[in-house]
Amino acid sequence: MNKRSSKYNPFVPSVKETGRILYCLRRNSSSRMSLSEISKELGIPKSKCFTILNTLKEFDFVSKDPKTKLYSLGMGLVYLARSVLDNLDIKEISDQPLQELASRTGSSAMLGILNGNHLFIVNKHEGNQNLGLSIPIGHRFHMSFGAHGRIILAYMDEDERDRILSGEKLYLYTNGKLPEKRILMKKIKMWKNQGFASDLGEMQQGINAISSPVFGSNNRITGAVILVGAFPKKEHGKYGKMTVATANKISEKLGADRKIP
């Protein structure tokens, strides 16, 4: 009697397709997608795509605009992400450098990690200044916001920078408008050369911020150290160098062999 042999498949096809859909929405997070666009990009039949998206929507992993019928990632993923962040070794890795920076400057020192178009705060240490400003762990900023947005823009890949500058709304400045390209590129060059960018009371009067990039083991920017306080503007160069030193320490612990000046 012949036994029909079957090859063992360790993957569940529908779960794999669910993962592909989520990553597809993440890649296109700057704009919402229609069912047809998702189906076409992934080669998954529309009927199956719809069933998976509907299930993800039940768990708030996907959001659907009732008017446009377009899909985007849902807030349910943020809750899951917070649980992951709570257990990341990066909190332990960054603890001492952030604490030292906060202690030496009297300001709040934070570490943010990039995820899509946002920067999530994963660790922070408060200084001795009462700012009347609370930024909790898990808070997310748009990746282009203020000081960290400027330094992220300076250190990201050129193609990615061009895509962002030509596309979505940015928050580098309070009015949401960018200076002409020649002036902006000059500023980007300056931020990159000095290793940090500043926001001196522009986003919120009386509150100054400095940010320096953090690199992962692939030597690409993965986040940023942010120093926030009411320190004198004349100290921003000195505090900028201290923020750079802190970011370099964290990058080294993350396995990067790239340092900034």
Protein backbone atom coordinates (compact mmCIF):
# COMPACT_ATOMS: atom_id res chain seq x y z
CA MET A 1 0.00 0.00 0.00
CA ASN A 2 1.42 3.35 -1.03
CA LYS A 3 1.46 6.04 1.59
CA ARG A 4 0.97 9.51 0.29
CA SER A 5 3.76 11.68 1.61
CA SER A 6 3.01 15.22 2.69
CA LYS A 7 5.51 17.96 3.29
CA TYR A 8 5.18 19.56 6.72
CA ASN A 9 4.55 23.32 6.60
CA PRO A 10 5.35 25.05 9.91
CA PHE A 11 3.44 28.21 8.92
CA VAL A 12 -0.26 29.02 9.05
CA PRO A 13 -0.99 30.72 5.68
CA SER A 14 -3.74 33.00 6.97
CA VAL A 15 -1.59 34.21 9.88
CA LYS A 16 1.28 34.86 7.50
CA GLU A 17 -1.01 36.88 5.24
CA THR A 18 -2.24 38.83 8.28
CA GLY A 19 1.35 39.76 9.08
CA ARG A 20 1.96 40.84 5.48
CA ILE A 21 -1.11 43.08 5.57
CA LEU A 22 0.02 44.77 8.79
CA TYR A 23 3.50 45.39 7.40
CA CYS A 24 1.98 46.69 4.16
CA LEU A 25 -0.02 49.26 6.12
CA ARG A 26 3.10 50.19 8.08
CA ARG A 27 5.11 50.78 4.89
CA ASN A 28 2.37 53.06 3.63
CA SER A 29 1.65 54.71 7.00
CA SER A 30 1.92 58.22 5.55
CA SER A 31 -1.37 57.59 3.72
CA ARG A 32 -4.35 55.28 4.16
CA MET A 33 -4.93 52.40 1.74
CA SER A 34 -7.97 50.99 0.01
CA LEU A 35 -8.88 47.31 -0.05
CA SER A 36 -7.98 47.15 -3.75
CA GLU A 37 -4.55 48.72 -3.16
CA ILE A 38 -3.70 46.26 -0.37
CA SER A 39 -4.92 43.31 -2.42
CA LYS A 40 -2.96 44.38 -5.50
CA GLU A 41 0.28 45.12 -3.62
CA LEU A 42 0.29 41.78 -1.77
CA GLY A 43 -1.34 39.55 -4.38
CA ILE A 44 -3.99 38.42 -1.90
CA PRO A 45 -7.57 38.01 -3.22
CA LYS A 46 -9.84 40.91 -2.25
CA SER A 47 -12.35 38.66 -0.50
CA LYS A 48 -9.66 37.14 1.72
CA CYS A 49 -8.09 40.55 2.29
CA PHE A 50 -11.43 41.92 3.40
CA THR A 51 -12.00 39.04 5.85
CA ILE A 52 -8.56 39.49 7.43
CA LEU A 53 -8.93 43.28 7.67
CA ASN A 54 -12.38 42.91 9.22
CA THR A 55 -10.96 40.55 11.86
CA LEU A 56 -8.05 42.90 12.61
CA LYS A 57 -10.54 45.75 12.95
CA GLU A 58 -12.36 43.80 15.68
CA PHE A 59 -9.17 43.91 17.77
CA ASP A 60 -8.49 47.56 16.85
CA PHE A 61 -5.28 46.49 15.09
CA VAL A 62 -6.63 48.15 11.95
CA SER A 63 -8.73 51.28 11.56
CA LYS A 64 -11.21 51.87 8.73
CA ASP A 65 -12.46 55.33 7.81
CA PRO A 66 -16.27 55.01 7.53
CA LYS A 67 -16.47 57.66 4.82
CA THR A 68 -13.51 56.88 2.56
CA LYS A 69 -13.38 53.13 3.37
CA LEU A 70 -9.58 53.45 3.61
CA TYR A 71 -7.51 51.42 6.07
CA SER A 72 -4.65 52.31 8.42
CA LEU A 73 -2.98 50.76 11.46
CA GLY A 74 -5.12 50.91 14.62
CA MET A 75 -4.50 52.00 18.20
CA GLY A 76 -4.67 48.42 19.44
CA LEU A 77 -1.11 48.00 18.20
CA VAL A 78 0.00 50.88 20.45
CA TYR A 79 -1.20 49.00 23.53
CA LEU A 80 0.75 45.93 22.45
CA ALA A 81 3.78 48.07 21.66
CA ARG A 82 3.73 49.55 25.15
CA SER A 83 3.98 46.05 26.63
CA VAL A 84 6.97 45.35 24.41
CA LEU A 85 8.59 48.66 25.39
CA ASP A 86 8.14 47.82 29.08
CA ASN A 87 10.32 44.75 28.60
CA LEU A 88 12.95 46.14 26.26
CA ASP A 89 16.55 45.88 27.43
CA ILE A 90 17.02 49.33 25.94
CA LYS A 91 15.53 50.81 29.11
CA GLU A 92 18.26 49.21 31.16
CA ILE A 93 20.91 50.13 28.59
CA SER A 94 19.91 53.79 28.55
CA ASP A 95 19.18 54.25 32.25
CA GLN A 96 22.58 55.38 33.53
CA PRO A 97 23.50 57.69 30.61
CA LEU A 98 20.11 59.44 30.80
CA GLN A 99 20.29 59.76 34.57
CA GLU A 100 23.75 61.33 34.36
CA LEU A 101 22.62 63.80 31.68
CA ALA A 102 19.54 64.81 33.70
CA SER A 103 21.63 65.23 36.85
CA ARG A 104 24.33 67.33 35.18
CA THR A 105 21.92 69.65 33.36
CA GLY A 106 18.99 69.76 35.76
CA SER A 107 16.76 69.03 32.76
CA SER A 108 14.66 66.07 31.64
CA ALA A 109 16.58 63.52 29.55
CA MET A 110 14.60 61.12 27.36
CA LEU A 111 15.21 58.37 24.83
CA GLY A 112 12.85 57.99 21.90
CA ILE A 113 12.77 55.07 19.47
CA LEU A 114 11.57 55.41 15.88
CA ASN A 115 8.61 53.34 14.75
CA GLY A 116 7.15 54.25 11.38
CA ASN A 117 6.51 57.99 11.28
CA HIS A 118 6.59 58.38 15.06
CA LEU A 119 9.10 58.53 17.89
CA PHE A 120 8.07 56.66 21.04
CA ILE A 121 9.50 57.68 24.43
CA VAL A 122 10.89 54.48 25.98
CA ASN A 123 12.87 55.90 28.92
CA LYS A 124 13.34 59.17 30.74
CA HIS A 125 14.88 60.78 33.80
CA GLU A 126 13.62 64.02 35.27
CA GLY A 127 15.86 66.93 36.20
CA ASN A 128 15.33 69.27 39.13
CA GLN A 129 13.38 71.87 37.14
CA ASN A 130 9.63 72.18 37.50
CA LEU A 131 8.61 72.65 33.87
CA GLY A 132 4.90 72.11 34.22
CA LEU A 133 5.38 69.70 31.32
CA SER A 134 4.86 65.96 31.64
CA ILE A 135 5.94 63.55 28.90
CA PRO A 136 5.19 59.97 30.03
CA ILE A 137 6.96 56.84 28.86
CA GLY A 138 5.00 55.49 25.90
CA HIS A 139 4.16 58.98 24.62
CA ARG A 140 4.61 59.35 20.90
CA PHE A 141 5.70 62.34 18.86
CA HIS A 142 5.60 62.75 15.12
CA MET A 143 9.09 61.92 13.88
CA SER A 144 9.51 65.43 12.43
CA PHE A 145 8.58 67.33 15.60
CA GLY A 146 10.94 70.05 16.87
CA ALA A 147 14.54 69.28 17.85
CA HIS A 148 14.39 65.50 17.43
CA GLY A 149 12.67 65.92 14.04
CA ARG A 150 15.52 68.12 12.83
CA ILE A 151 18.28 65.74 13.88
CA ILE A 152 16.42 62.67 12.55
CA LEU A 153 16.04 64.45 9.21
CA ALA A 154 19.76 65.28 9.20
CA TYR A 155 20.88 61.69 9.79
CA MET A 156 18.35 59.65 7.82
CA ASP A 157 19.14 58.24 4.37
CA GLU A 158 19.05 60.88 1.65
CA ASP A 159 16.34 59.09 -0.38
CA GLU A 160 14.12 58.77 2.68
CA ARG A 161 14.69 62.44 3.55
CA ASP A 162 13.72 63.53 0.04
CA ARG A 163 10.57 61.41 0.21
CA ILE A 164 9.52 62.96 3.52
CA LEU A 165 10.33 66.52 2.47
CA SER A 166 8.32 66.17 -0.72
CA GLY A 167 5.34 64.47 0.86
CA GLU A 168 3.61 64.76 4.18
CA LYS A 169 3.16 67.67 6.55
CA LEU A 170 6.16 68.25 8.80
CA TYR A 171 6.41 69.76 12.26
CA LEU A 172 9.99 71.03 12.33
CA TYR A 173 8.68 74.52 13.03
CA THR A 174 5.60 75.83 14.84
CA ASN A 175 3.82 77.08 11.72
CA GLY A 176 4.35 73.77 9.92
CA LYS A 177 6.11 75.58 7.08
CA LEU A 178 9.62 74.83 5.89
CA PRO A 179 12.19 77.43 4.87
CA GLU A 180 13.23 77.37 1.22
CA LYS A 181 15.21 74.28 0.31
CA ARG A 182 18.59 76.03 0.08
CA ILE A 183 18.28 77.37 3.65
CA LEU A 184 16.91 74.07 5.00
CA MET A 185 19.77 72.05 3.48
CA LYS A 186 22.25 74.48 5.05
CA LYS A 187 20.61 73.92 8.44
CA ILE A 188 20.60 70.13 7.94
CA LYS A 189 24.33 70.26 7.19
CA MET A 190 24.93 72.28 10.35
CA TRP A 191 22.87 69.91 12.53
CA LYS A 192 24.75 66.92 11.15
CA ASN A 193 28.18 68.51 11.55
CA GLN A 194 27.60 69.43 15.20
CA GLY A 195 25.74 66.19 16.00
CA PHE A 196 22.72 67.83 17.61
CA ALA A 197 19.76 70.09 16.81
CA SER A 198 18.06 72.62 19.06
CA ASP A 199 14.59 74.04 19.56
CA LEU A 200 15.04 77.13 21.74
CA GLY A 201 11.54 78.08 22.84
CA GLU A 202 10.07 77.72 19.34
CA MET A 203 7.58 74.93 19.98
CA GLN A 204 6.73 76.08 23.51
CA GLN A 205 7.78 79.40 24.95
CA GLY A 206 10.26 79.09 27.81
CA ILE A 207 11.00 75.43 27.06
CA ASN A 208 14.23 74.54 25.26
CA ALA A 209 15.07 71.20 23.69
CA ILE A 210 18.21 69.57 22.28
CA SER A 211 18.37 66.25 20.46
CA SER A 212 21.10 63.92 19.22
CA PRO A 213 20.77 60.69 17.16
CA VAL A 214 21.02 57.14 18.47
CA PHE A 215 22.18 54.34 16.14
CA GLY A 216 21.43 50.62 16.19
CA SER A 217 23.70 47.68 15.41
CA ASN A 218 23.18 48.32 11.67
CA ASN A 219 24.64 51.84 12.17
CA ARG A 220 21.40 53.44 11.00
CA ILE A 221 19.50 55.97 13.08
CA THR A 222 17.06 54.18 15.35
CA GLY A 223 16.04 56.96 17.71
CA ALA A 224 17.19 60.05 19.55
CA VAL A 225 18.16 61.39 22.96
CA ILE A 226 16.12 64.48 23.84
CA LEU A 227 17.03 66.99 26.55
CA VAL A 228 14.16 69.27 27.62
CA GLY A 229 14.39 72.07 30.14
CA ALA A 230 14.31 75.77 30.96
CA PHE A 231 18.08 76.07 30.71
CA PRO A 232 19.59 79.36 29.42
CA LYS A 233 19.79 79.55 25.63
CA LYS A 234 23.47 80.48 25.85
CA GLU A 235 24.15 77.02 27.34
CA HIS A 236 22.68 75.13 24.40
CA GLY A 237 26.11 74.52 22.78
CA LYS A 238 27.55 73.08 25.99
CA TYR A 239 24.42 71.01 26.68
CA GLY A 240 24.37 69.94 23.03
CA LYS A 241 27.81 68.32 23.39
CA MET A 242 26.65 66.57 26.57
CA THR A 243 23.59 65.25 24.73
CA VAL A 244 25.83 63.98 21.91
CA ALA A 245 28.03 62.15 24.44
CA THR A 246 24.95 60.53 26.00
CA ALA A 247 23.61 59.42 22.60
CA ASN A 248 27.01 57.95 21.69
CA LYS A 249 27.09 55.90 24.91
CA ILE A 250 23.64 54.44 24.19
CA SER A 251 24.53 53.75 20.52
CA GLU A 252 27.66 51.90 21.60
CA LYS A 253 25.67 49.74 24.04
CA LEU A 254 23.22 48.96 21.22
CA GLY A 255 26.08 47.55 19.14
CA ALA A 256 26.70 50.50 16.83
CA ASP A 257 30.27 51.31 15.85
CA ARG A 258 29.22 54.68 14.48
CA LYS A 259 29.73 57.80 16.57
CA ILE A 260 28.90 61.41 15.94
CA PRO A 261 31.38 64.29 16.31
